Amino acid sequence: MDMTLIYGLLAAMAVSVVSFIGVITLVNKRFSTETITPFFLSLAAGAMVGNALFHLIPEGFEHFIGTSGAGGFRLVSLLIVGGFFAFFAIDLFLHSVGKHDTPHAKPIGYLILIGDTVENLVDGIVIGSAFLLSPEIGIATTIAVVVHEIPIELGDFAVLLHSGFSRRRALLWNFVSGLISLIGVVTAWYFGQHIANFPHLMGPIAAGAFLYMAGSSLIPAIRNDAHFSKAGVHLLIAMIGAGVMFALLFVETH
């Protein structure tokens, strides 16, 4: 089996395991997700911006400018903008069907799972495409996705509980939803074998998606928690997230 596919599948499994973050509420039912989630949001925002600007976008420019000159610059710019607006559209759709509404009835729990399934499929495609570019970019993208998924899974776990799921059932369905990312990895690997430049096309699209998610969802949520006593901590954590992405530039990949 292709090692690129194996690395991608292992990375997707690591992301899927994040769905068990809610198990801490089984161990300690007094644990408050509201306390820790904002700090993971800061880490995720920094990691996403850093991954987009240090890895995915430079890789796209290097490849397409090298092969197409100025036309490559325009292509990568369009792909970034396309990724941004594609996730804008997905976000609008999920909000329109009530994914982020306060749950009052059981159906919202299933809507949460449907929305997460779509997001996990896209995560898998992004991770698989990143490993097709290089192990370094694959690792950076996986880290960015993991730290982004932690606050999402904590929030979704709470929503499932409120919508009538038991703790164990919520954990199970969250994990099953997370496994869909494996299909995304296989999809990326398949198209990477049959479509020229597929991973190089997906990289800038993923960068646009990361920039959208950081700017539209994560940063506004962080601001809501960034009281004077916490503002500096949030900024530091976000910078650490970006710093980890920068440090990965120096990881030996050959």
C-alpha atoms as a PDB file:
ATOM      1  CA  MET A   1       0.000   0.000   0.000  1.00  0.00           C
ATOM      2  CA  ASP A   2       1.177   3.522  -0.796  1.00  0.00           C
ATOM      3  CA  MET A   3       2.886   5.047   2.271  1.00  0.00           C
ATOM      4  CA  THR A   4       1.244   8.399   1.530  1.00  0.00           C
ATOM      5  CA  LEU A   5      -2.160   6.754   1.924  1.00  0.00           C
ATOM      6  CA  ILE A   6      -1.074   5.028   5.139  1.00  0.00           C
ATOM      7  CA  TYR A   7       0.185   8.305   6.645  1.00  0.00           C
ATOM      8  CA  GLY A   8      -3.056  10.029   5.689  1.00  0.00           C
ATOM      9  CA  LEU A   9      -5.199   7.276   7.202  1.00  0.00           C
ATOM     10  CA  LEU A  10      -3.184   7.312  10.441  1.00  0.00           C
ATOM     11  CA  ALA A  11      -3.554  11.099  10.628  1.00  0.00           C
ATOM     12  CA  ALA A  12      -7.307  10.844  10.022  1.00  0.00           C
ATOM     13  CA  MET A  13      -7.556   8.217  12.778  1.00  0.00           C
ATOM     14  CA  ALA A  14      -5.760  10.609  15.134  1.00  0.00           C
ATOM     15  CA  VAL A  15      -8.338  13.272  14.295  1.00  0.00           C
ATOM     16  CA  SER A  16     -11.164  10.780  14.816  1.00  0.00           C
ATOM     17  CA  VAL A  17      -9.879   9.924  18.291  1.00  0.00           C
ATOM     18  CA  VAL A  18     -10.415  13.579  19.216  1.00  0.00           C
ATOM     19  CA  SER A  19     -14.138  12.770  19.185  1.00  0.00           C
ATOM     20  CA  PHE A  20     -13.550  11.000  22.508  1.00  0.00           C
ATOM     21  CA  ILE A  21     -12.635  14.320  24.136  1.00  0.00           C
ATOM     22  CA  GLY A  22     -16.066  14.158  25.744  1.00  0.00           C
ATOM     23  CA  VAL A  23     -14.954  11.133  27.784  1.00  0.00           C
ATOM     24  CA  ILE A  24     -13.567  13.570  30.357  1.00  0.00           C
ATOM     25  CA  THR A  25     -17.157  14.350  31.278  1.00  0.00           C
ATOM     26  CA  LEU A  26     -17.638  10.677  32.077  1.00  0.00           C
ATOM     27  CA  VAL A  27     -14.610  10.682  34.367  1.00  0.00           C
ATOM     28  CA  ASN A  28     -15.414  14.008  36.004  1.00  0.00           C
ATOM     29  CA  LYS A  29     -18.978  15.179  35.527  1.00  0.00           C
ATOM     30  CA  ARG A  30     -18.164  18.472  37.222  1.00  0.00           C
ATOM     31  CA  PHE A  31     -15.801  19.369  34.374  1.00  0.00           C
ATOM     32  CA  SER A  32     -16.881  22.540  32.581  1.00  0.00           C
ATOM     33  CA  THR A  33     -16.281  22.604  28.829  1.00  0.00           C
ATOM     34  CA  GLU A  34     -16.892  26.349  28.925  1.00  0.00           C
ATOM     35  CA  THR A  35     -13.665  26.801  30.911  1.00  0.00           C
ATOM     36  CA  ILE A  36     -11.212  25.118  28.560  1.00  0.00           C
ATOM     37  CA  THR A  37     -12.852  25.445  25.130  1.00  0.00           C
ATOM     38  CA  PRO A  38     -11.964  29.145  24.516  1.00  0.00           C
ATOM     39  CA  PHE A  39      -8.261  28.409  24.956  1.00  0.00           C
ATOM     40  CA  PHE A  40      -8.379  25.587  22.415  1.00  0.00           C
ATOM     41  CA  LEU A  41     -10.130  28.014  20.065  1.00  0.00           C
ATOM     42  CA  SER A  42      -7.155  30.370  20.371  1.00  0.00           C
ATOM     43  CA  LEU A  43      -4.712  27.536  19.682  1.00  0.00           C
ATOM     44  CA  ALA A  44      -6.771  26.421  16.686  1.00  0.00           C
ATOM     45  CA  ALA A  45      -6.991  29.940  15.249  1.00  0.00           C
ATOM     46  CA  GLY A  46      -3.229  30.420  15.430  1.00  0.00           C
ATOM     47  CA  ALA A  47      -2.523  26.978  13.984  1.00  0.00           C
ATOM     48  CA  MET A  48      -4.949  27.456  11.090  1.00  0.00           C
ATOM     49  CA  VAL A  49      -3.587  30.865  10.117  1.00  0.00           C
ATOM     50  CA  GLY A  50      -0.018  29.608  10.461  1.00  0.00           C
ATOM     51  CA  ASN A  51      -0.692  26.497   8.390  1.00  0.00           C
ATOM     52  CA  ALA A  52      -2.342  28.532   5.635  1.00  0.00           C
ATOM     53  CA  LEU A  53       0.368  31.216   5.456  1.00  0.00           C
ATOM     54  CA  PHE A  54       3.493  29.172   6.213  1.00  0.00           C
ATOM     55  CA  HIS A  55       2.685  25.932   4.392  1.00  0.00           C
ATOM     56  CA  LEU A  56      -0.302  25.653   2.079  1.00  0.00           C
ATOM     57  CA  ILE A  57      -0.179  29.010   0.284  1.00  0.00           C
ATOM     58  CA  PRO A  58       3.628  29.125  -0.234  1.00  0.00           C
ATOM     59  CA  GLU A  59       3.562  25.552  -1.546  1.00  0.00           C
ATOM     60  CA  GLY A  60       0.847  26.486  -4.043  1.00  0.00           C
ATOM     61  CA  PHE A  61       2.682  29.590  -5.246  1.00  0.00           C
ATOM     62  CA  GLU A  62       5.983  27.722  -5.533  1.00  0.00           C
ATOM     63  CA  HIS A  63       4.452  24.971  -7.644  1.00  0.00           C
ATOM     64  CA  PHE A  64       2.172  26.929  -9.962  1.00  0.00           C
ATOM     65  CA  ILE A  65       4.390  29.979 -10.478  1.00  0.00           C
ATOM     66  CA  GLY A  66       7.204  27.569 -11.302  1.00  0.00           C
ATOM     67  CA  THR A  67       5.085  25.858 -13.942  1.00  0.00           C
ATOM     68  CA  SER A  68       2.842  28.678 -15.190  1.00  0.00           C
ATOM     69  CA  GLY A  69       4.513  31.976 -14.256  1.00  0.00           C
ATOM     70  CA  ALA A  70       2.165  34.896 -13.577  1.00  0.00           C
ATOM     71  CA  GLY A  71      -0.804  32.747 -14.521  1.00  0.00           C
ATOM     72  CA  GLY A  72       0.077  30.465 -11.614  1.00  0.00           C
ATOM     73  CA  PHE A  73      -0.058  33.412  -9.214  1.00  0.00           C
ATOM     74  CA  ARG A  74      -3.584  34.251 -10.375  1.00  0.00           C
ATOM     75  CA  LEU A  75      -4.674  30.602 -10.206  1.00  0.00           C
ATOM     76  CA  VAL A  76      -3.507  30.154  -6.613  1.00  0.00           C
ATOM     77  CA  SER A  77      -5.159  33.438  -5.599  1.00  0.00           C
ATOM     78  CA  LEU A  78      -8.435  32.292  -7.137  1.00  0.00           C
ATOM     79  CA  LEU A  79      -8.200  28.925  -5.385  1.00  0.00           C
ATOM     80  CA  ILE A  80      -7.657  30.615  -2.009  1.00  0.00           C
ATOM     81  CA  VAL A  81     -10.661  32.871  -2.551  1.00  0.00           C
ATOM     82  CA  GLY A  82     -12.651  29.881  -3.813  1.00  0.00           C
ATOM     83  CA  GLY A  83     -11.869  27.903  -0.659  1.00  0.00           C
ATOM     84  CA  PHE A  84     -12.862  30.887   1.459  1.00  0.00           C
ATOM     85  CA  PHE A  85     -16.251  31.301  -0.185  1.00  0.00           C
ATOM     86  CA  ALA A  86     -16.909  27.554  -0.437  1.00  0.00           C
ATOM     87  CA  PHE A  87     -16.666  27.295   3.352  1.00  0.00           C
ATOM     88  CA  PHE A  88     -18.672  30.501   3.702  1.00  0.00           C
ATOM     89  CA  ALA A  89     -21.432  28.745   1.748  1.00  0.00           C
ATOM     90  CA  ILE A  90     -21.159  25.570   3.856  1.00  0.00           C
ATOM     91  CA  ASP A  91     -21.273  27.647   7.035  1.00  0.00           C
ATOM     92  CA  LEU A  92     -24.378  29.509   5.866  1.00  0.00           C
ATOM     93  CA  PHE A  93     -26.077  26.221   5.007  1.00  0.00           C
ATOM     94  CA  LEU A  94     -25.294  24.622   8.365  1.00  0.00           C
ATOM     95  CA  HIS A  95     -26.576  27.697  10.190  1.00  0.00           C
ATOM     96  CA  SER A  96     -29.716  27.743   8.053  1.00  0.00           C
ATOM     97  CA  VAL A  97     -30.613  24.195   9.145  1.00  0.00           C
ATOM     98  CA  GLY A  98     -29.937  25.006  12.770  1.00  0.00           C
ATOM     99  CA  LYS A  99     -26.569  23.297  13.353  1.00  0.00           C
ATOM    100  CA  HIS A 100     -25.406  25.954  15.796  1.00  0.00           C
ATOM    101  CA  ASP A 101     -28.764  26.797  17.353  1.00  0.00           C
ATOM    102  CA  THR A 102     -29.446  26.190  21.020  1.00  0.00           C
ATOM    103  CA  PRO A 103     -30.902  22.683  21.106  1.00  0.00           C
ATOM    104  CA  HIS A 104     -34.381  22.122  22.494  1.00  0.00           C
ATOM    105  CA  ALA A 105     -35.417  18.952  20.694  1.00  0.00           C
ATOM    106  CA  LYS A 106     -33.802  15.685  19.716  1.00  0.00           C
ATOM    107  CA  PRO A 107     -33.716  16.325  15.923  1.00  0.00           C
ATOM    108  CA  ILE A 108     -31.039  18.986  16.392  1.00  0.00           C
ATOM    109  CA  GLY A 109     -28.726  16.247  17.656  1.00  0.00           C
ATOM    110  CA  TYR A 110     -29.024  14.418  14.346  1.00  0.00           C
ATOM    111  CA  LEU A 111     -28.488  17.654  12.435  1.00  0.00           C
ATOM    112  CA  ILE A 112     -25.280  18.108  14.430  1.00  0.00           C
ATOM    113  CA  LEU A 113     -24.122  14.639  13.381  1.00  0.00           C
ATOM    114  CA  ILE A 114     -24.976  15.251   9.713  1.00  0.00           C
ATOM    115  CA  GLY A 115     -23.099  18.535   9.718  1.00  0.00           C
ATOM    116  CA  ASP A 116     -20.095  16.943  11.425  1.00  0.00           C
ATOM    117  CA  THR A 117     -20.091  14.078   8.936  1.00  0.00           C
ATOM    118  CA  VAL A 118     -19.804  16.549   6.038  1.00  0.00           C
ATOM    119  CA  GLU A 119     -17.082  18.502   7.842  1.00  0.00           C
ATOM    120  CA  ASN A 120     -15.133  15.328   8.669  1.00  0.00           C
ATOM    121  CA  LEU A 121     -15.283  14.187   5.047  1.00  0.00           C
ATOM    122  CA  VAL A 122     -13.807  17.525   3.975  1.00  0.00           C
ATOM    123  CA  ASP A 123     -11.184  17.309   6.749  1.00  0.00           C
ATOM    124  CA  GLY A 124     -10.134  13.911   5.405  1.00  0.00           C
ATOM    125  CA  ILE A 125      -9.796  15.250   1.855  1.00  0.00           C
ATOM    126  CA  VAL A 126      -7.725  18.176   3.135  1.00  0.00           C
ATOM    127  CA  ILE A 127      -5.454  15.906   5.212  1.00  0.00           C
ATOM    128  CA  GLY A 128      -5.032  13.378   2.413  1.00  0.00           C
ATOM    129  CA  SER A 129      -4.195  16.115  -0.093  1.00  0.00           C
ATOM    130  CA  ALA A 130      -1.700  17.658   2.336  1.00  0.00           C
ATOM    131  CA  PHE A 131       0.219  14.391   2.688  1.00  0.00           C
ATOM    132  CA  LEU A 132       0.330  14.112  -1.101  1.00  0.00           C
ATOM    133  CA  LEU A 133       2.174  17.446  -1.071  1.00  0.00           C
ATOM    134  CA  SER A 134       4.731  16.436   1.586  1.00  0.00           C
ATOM    135  CA  PRO A 135       4.938  14.784   5.031  1.00  0.00           C
ATOM    136  CA  GLU A 136       5.725  18.178   6.573  1.00  0.00           C
ATOM    137  CA  ILE A 137       2.574  19.799   5.185  1.00  0.00           C
ATOM    138  CA  GLY A 138       0.570  16.704   6.097  1.00  0.00           C
ATOM    139  CA  ILE A 139       1.713  16.895   9.734  1.00  0.00           C
ATOM    140  CA  ALA A 140       1.074  20.649   9.897  1.00  0.00           C
ATOM    141  CA  THR A 141      -2.417  20.236   8.464  1.00  0.00           C
ATOM    142  CA  THR A 142      -3.224  17.361  10.819  1.00  0.00           C
ATOM    143  CA  ILE A 143      -2.190  19.424  13.847  1.00  0.00           C
ATOM    144  CA  ALA A 144      -4.297  22.352  12.650  1.00  0.00           C
ATOM    145  CA  VAL A 145      -7.321  20.096  12.152  1.00  0.00           C
ATOM    146  CA  VAL A 146      -6.854  18.368  15.532  1.00  0.00           C
ATOM    147  CA  VAL A 147      -6.686  21.569  17.570  1.00  0.00           C
ATOM    148  CA  HIS A 148      -9.673  22.884  15.623  1.00  0.00           C
ATOM    149  CA  GLU A 149     -11.664  19.707  16.266  1.00  0.00           C
ATOM    150  CA  ILE A 150     -11.143  19.683  20.050  1.00  0.00           C
ATOM    151  CA  PRO A 151     -13.395  22.686  20.815  1.00  0.00           C
ATOM    152  CA  ILE A 152     -15.872  21.591  18.142  1.00  0.00           C
ATOM    153  CA  GLU A 153     -16.150  18.100  19.619  1.00  0.00           C
ATOM    154  CA  LEU A 154     -16.521  19.477  23.137  1.00  0.00           C
ATOM    155  CA  GLY A 155     -19.316  21.767  21.958  1.00  0.00           C
ATOM    156  CA  ASP A 156     -21.040  19.117  19.882  1.00  0.00           C
ATOM    157  CA  PHE A 157     -20.855  16.613  22.731  1.00  0.00           C
ATOM    158  CA  ALA A 158     -22.662  19.118  24.947  1.00  0.00           C
ATOM    159  CA  VAL A 159     -25.297  19.694  22.239  1.00  0.00           C
ATOM    160  CA  LEU A 160     -25.909  15.946  21.857  1.00  0.00           C
ATOM    161  CA  LEU A 161     -26.391  15.594  25.616  1.00  0.00           C
ATOM    162  CA  HIS A 162     -28.879  18.459  25.650  1.00  0.00           C
ATOM    163  CA  SER A 163     -30.765  16.955  22.719  1.00  0.00           C
ATOM    164  CA  GLY A 164     -31.406  13.707  24.569  1.00  0.00           C
ATOM    165  CA  PHE A 165     -28.391  11.470  23.813  1.00  0.00           C
ATOM    166  CA  SER A 166     -26.831   9.543  26.675  1.00  0.00           C
ATOM    167  CA  ARG A 167     -23.152  10.270  27.347  1.00  0.00           C
ATOM    168  CA  ARG A 168     -21.993   6.939  25.942  1.00  0.00           C
ATOM    169  CA  ARG A 169     -24.246   7.158  22.892  1.00  0.00           C
ATOM    170  CA  ALA A 170     -23.044  10.712  22.175  1.00  0.00           C
ATOM    171  CA  LEU A 171     -19.423   9.513  22.341  1.00  0.00           C
ATOM    172  CA  LEU A 172     -20.153   6.583  20.012  1.00  0.00           C
ATOM    173  CA  TRP A 173     -21.908   8.640  17.337  1.00  0.00           C
ATOM    174  CA  ASN A 174     -19.281  11.365  17.520  1.00  0.00           C
ATOM    175  CA  PHE A 175     -16.618   8.750  16.853  1.00  0.00           C
ATOM    176  CA  VAL A 176     -18.549   7.158  13.991  1.00  0.00           C
ATOM    177  CA  SER A 177     -18.931  10.605  12.434  1.00  0.00           C
ATOM    178  CA  GLY A 178     -15.197  11.197  12.844  1.00  0.00           C
ATOM    179  CA  LEU A 179     -14.346   7.984  10.989  1.00  0.00           C
ATOM    180  CA  ILE A 180     -15.824   9.514   7.817  1.00  0.00           C
ATOM    181  CA  SER A 181     -12.541  11.440   7.520  1.00  0.00           C
ATOM    182  CA  LEU A 182     -10.941   8.124   6.476  1.00  0.00           C
ATOM    183  CA  ILE A 183     -13.167   8.125   3.396  1.00  0.00           C
ATOM    184  CA  GLY A 184     -11.992  11.663   2.689  1.00  0.00           C
ATOM    185  CA  VAL A 185      -8.344  10.558   2.823  1.00  0.00           C
ATOM    186  CA  VAL A 186      -8.989   7.685   0.410  1.00  0.00           C
ATOM    187  CA  THR A 187     -10.899  10.062  -1.890  1.00  0.00           C
ATOM    188  CA  ALA A 188      -7.969  12.493  -1.949  1.00  0.00           C
ATOM    189  CA  TRP A 189      -5.501   9.674  -2.581  1.00  0.00           C
ATOM    190  CA  TYR A 190      -7.613   8.284  -5.447  1.00  0.00           C
ATOM    191  CA  PHE A 191      -8.049  11.615  -7.213  1.00  0.00           C
ATOM    192  CA  GLY A 192      -4.404  12.401  -6.557  1.00  0.00           C
ATOM    193  CA  GLN A 193      -3.527   9.355  -8.671  1.00  0.00           C
ATOM    194  CA  HIS A 194      -5.824  10.329 -11.545  1.00  0.00           C
ATOM    195  CA  ILE A 195      -5.936  14.133 -11.659  1.00  0.00           C
ATOM    196  CA  ALA A 196      -2.757  16.063 -12.392  1.00  0.00           C
ATOM    197  CA  ASN A 197      -1.839  18.615  -9.704  1.00  0.00           C
ATOM    198  CA  PHE A 198      -4.787  17.530  -7.501  1.00  0.00           C
ATOM    199  CA  PRO A 199      -2.975  18.062  -4.148  1.00  0.00           C
ATOM    200  CA  HIS A 200      -1.516  21.356  -5.370  1.00  0.00           C
ATOM    201  CA  LEU A 201      -5.022  22.514  -6.274  1.00  0.00           C
ATOM    202  CA  MET A 202      -6.464  21.408  -2.927  1.00  0.00           C
ATOM    203  CA  GLY A 203      -3.748  23.110  -0.839  1.00  0.00           C
ATOM    204  CA  PRO A 204      -4.753  26.740  -1.585  1.00  0.00           C
ATOM    205  CA  ILE A 205      -8.448  25.798  -1.301  1.00  0.00           C
ATOM    206  CA  ALA A 206      -7.762  24.378   2.173  1.00  0.00           C
ATOM    207  CA  ALA A 207      -5.822  27.544   3.040  1.00  0.00           C
ATOM    208  CA  GLY A 208      -8.814  29.695   2.118  1.00  0.00           C
ATOM    209  CA  ALA A 209     -11.040  27.438   4.215  1.00  0.00           C
ATOM    210  CA  PHE A 210      -8.706  27.712   7.228  1.00  0.00           C
ATOM    211  CA  LEU A 211      -8.571  31.493   6.935  1.00  0.00           C
ATOM    212  CA  TYR A 212     -12.365  31.643   6.764  1.00  0.00           C
ATOM    213  CA  MET A 213     -12.856  29.420   9.799  1.00  0.00           C
ATOM    214  CA  ALA A 214     -10.285  31.320  11.859  1.00  0.00           C
ATOM    215  CA  GLY A 215     -11.689  34.730  10.967  1.00  0.00           C
ATOM    216  CA  SER A 216     -15.419  34.018  10.950  1.00  0.00           C
ATOM    217  CA  SER A 217     -15.914  31.508  13.758  1.00  0.00           C
ATOM    218  CA  LEU A 218     -12.886  31.148  16.000  1.00  0.00           C
ATOM    219  CA  ILE A 219     -11.730  34.738  16.506  1.00  0.00           C
ATOM    220  CA  PRO A 220     -15.248  36.120  17.269  1.00  0.00           C
ATOM    221  CA  ALA A 221     -15.735  33.311  19.823  1.00  0.00           C
ATOM    222  CA  ILE A 222     -12.348  34.098  21.369  1.00  0.00           C
ATOM    223  CA  ARG A 223     -13.242  37.792  21.654  1.00  0.00           C
ATOM    224  CA  ASN A 224     -16.345  36.887  23.640  1.00  0.00           C
ATOM    225  CA  ASP A 225     -14.130  35.241  26.268  1.00  0.00           C
ATOM    226  CA  ALA A 226     -11.225  37.702  26.082  1.00  0.00           C
ATOM    227  CA  HIS A 227     -11.864  39.779  29.169  1.00  0.00           C
ATOM    228  CA  PHE A 228      -8.994  42.004  30.247  1.00  0.00           C
ATOM    229  CA  SER A 229      -7.497  39.322  32.495  1.00  0.00           C
ATOM    230  CA  LYS A 230      -7.567  36.686  29.722  1.00  0.00           C
ATOM    231  CA  ALA A 231      -6.837  38.714  26.583  1.00  0.00           C
ATOM    232  CA  GLY A 232      -3.063  38.348  26.825  1.00  0.00           C
ATOM    233  CA  VAL A 233      -3.339  34.610  27.441  1.00  0.00           C
ATOM    234  CA  HIS A 234      -5.528  34.129  24.359  1.00  0.00           C
ATOM    235  CA  LEU A 235      -3.092  36.115  22.221  1.00  0.00           C
ATOM    236  CA  LEU A 236      -0.120  34.126  23.533  1.00  0.00           C
ATOM    237  CA  ILE A 237      -1.831  30.784  22.901  1.00  0.00           C
ATOM    238  CA  ALA A 238      -2.770  31.828  19.348  1.00  0.00           C
ATOM    239  CA  MET A 239       0.830  32.872  18.708  1.00  0.00           C
ATOM    240  CA  ILE A 240       2.022  29.500  20.031  1.00  0.00           C
ATOM    241  CA  GLY A 241      -0.297  27.784  17.555  1.00  0.00           C
ATOM    242  CA  ALA A 242       1.158  29.805  14.686  1.00  0.00           C
ATOM    243  CA  GLY A 243       4.672  29.283  16.053  1.00  0.00           C
ATOM    244  CA  VAL A 244       4.272  25.517  15.954  1.00  0.00           C
ATOM    245  CA  MET A 245       3.331  25.796  12.274  1.00  0.00           C
ATOM    246  CA  PHE A 246       6.410  27.937  11.622  1.00  0.00           C
ATOM    247  CA  ALA A 247       8.666  25.510  13.500  1.00  0.00           C
ATOM    248  CA  LEU A 248       7.475  22.682  11.255  1.00  0.00           C
ATOM    249  CA  LEU A 249       9.119  24.481   8.330  1.00  0.00           C
ATOM    250  CA  PHE A 250      12.423  23.301   9.762  1.00  0.00           C
ATOM    251  CA  VAL A 251      11.416  19.659  10.070  1.00  0.00           C
ATOM    252  CA  GLU A 252      13.571  17.505   7.818  1.00  0.00           C
ATOM    253  CA  THR A 253      11.328  15.903   5.220  1.00  0.00           C
ATOM    254  CA  HIS A 254      13.817  14.140   2.947  1.00  0.00           C
END
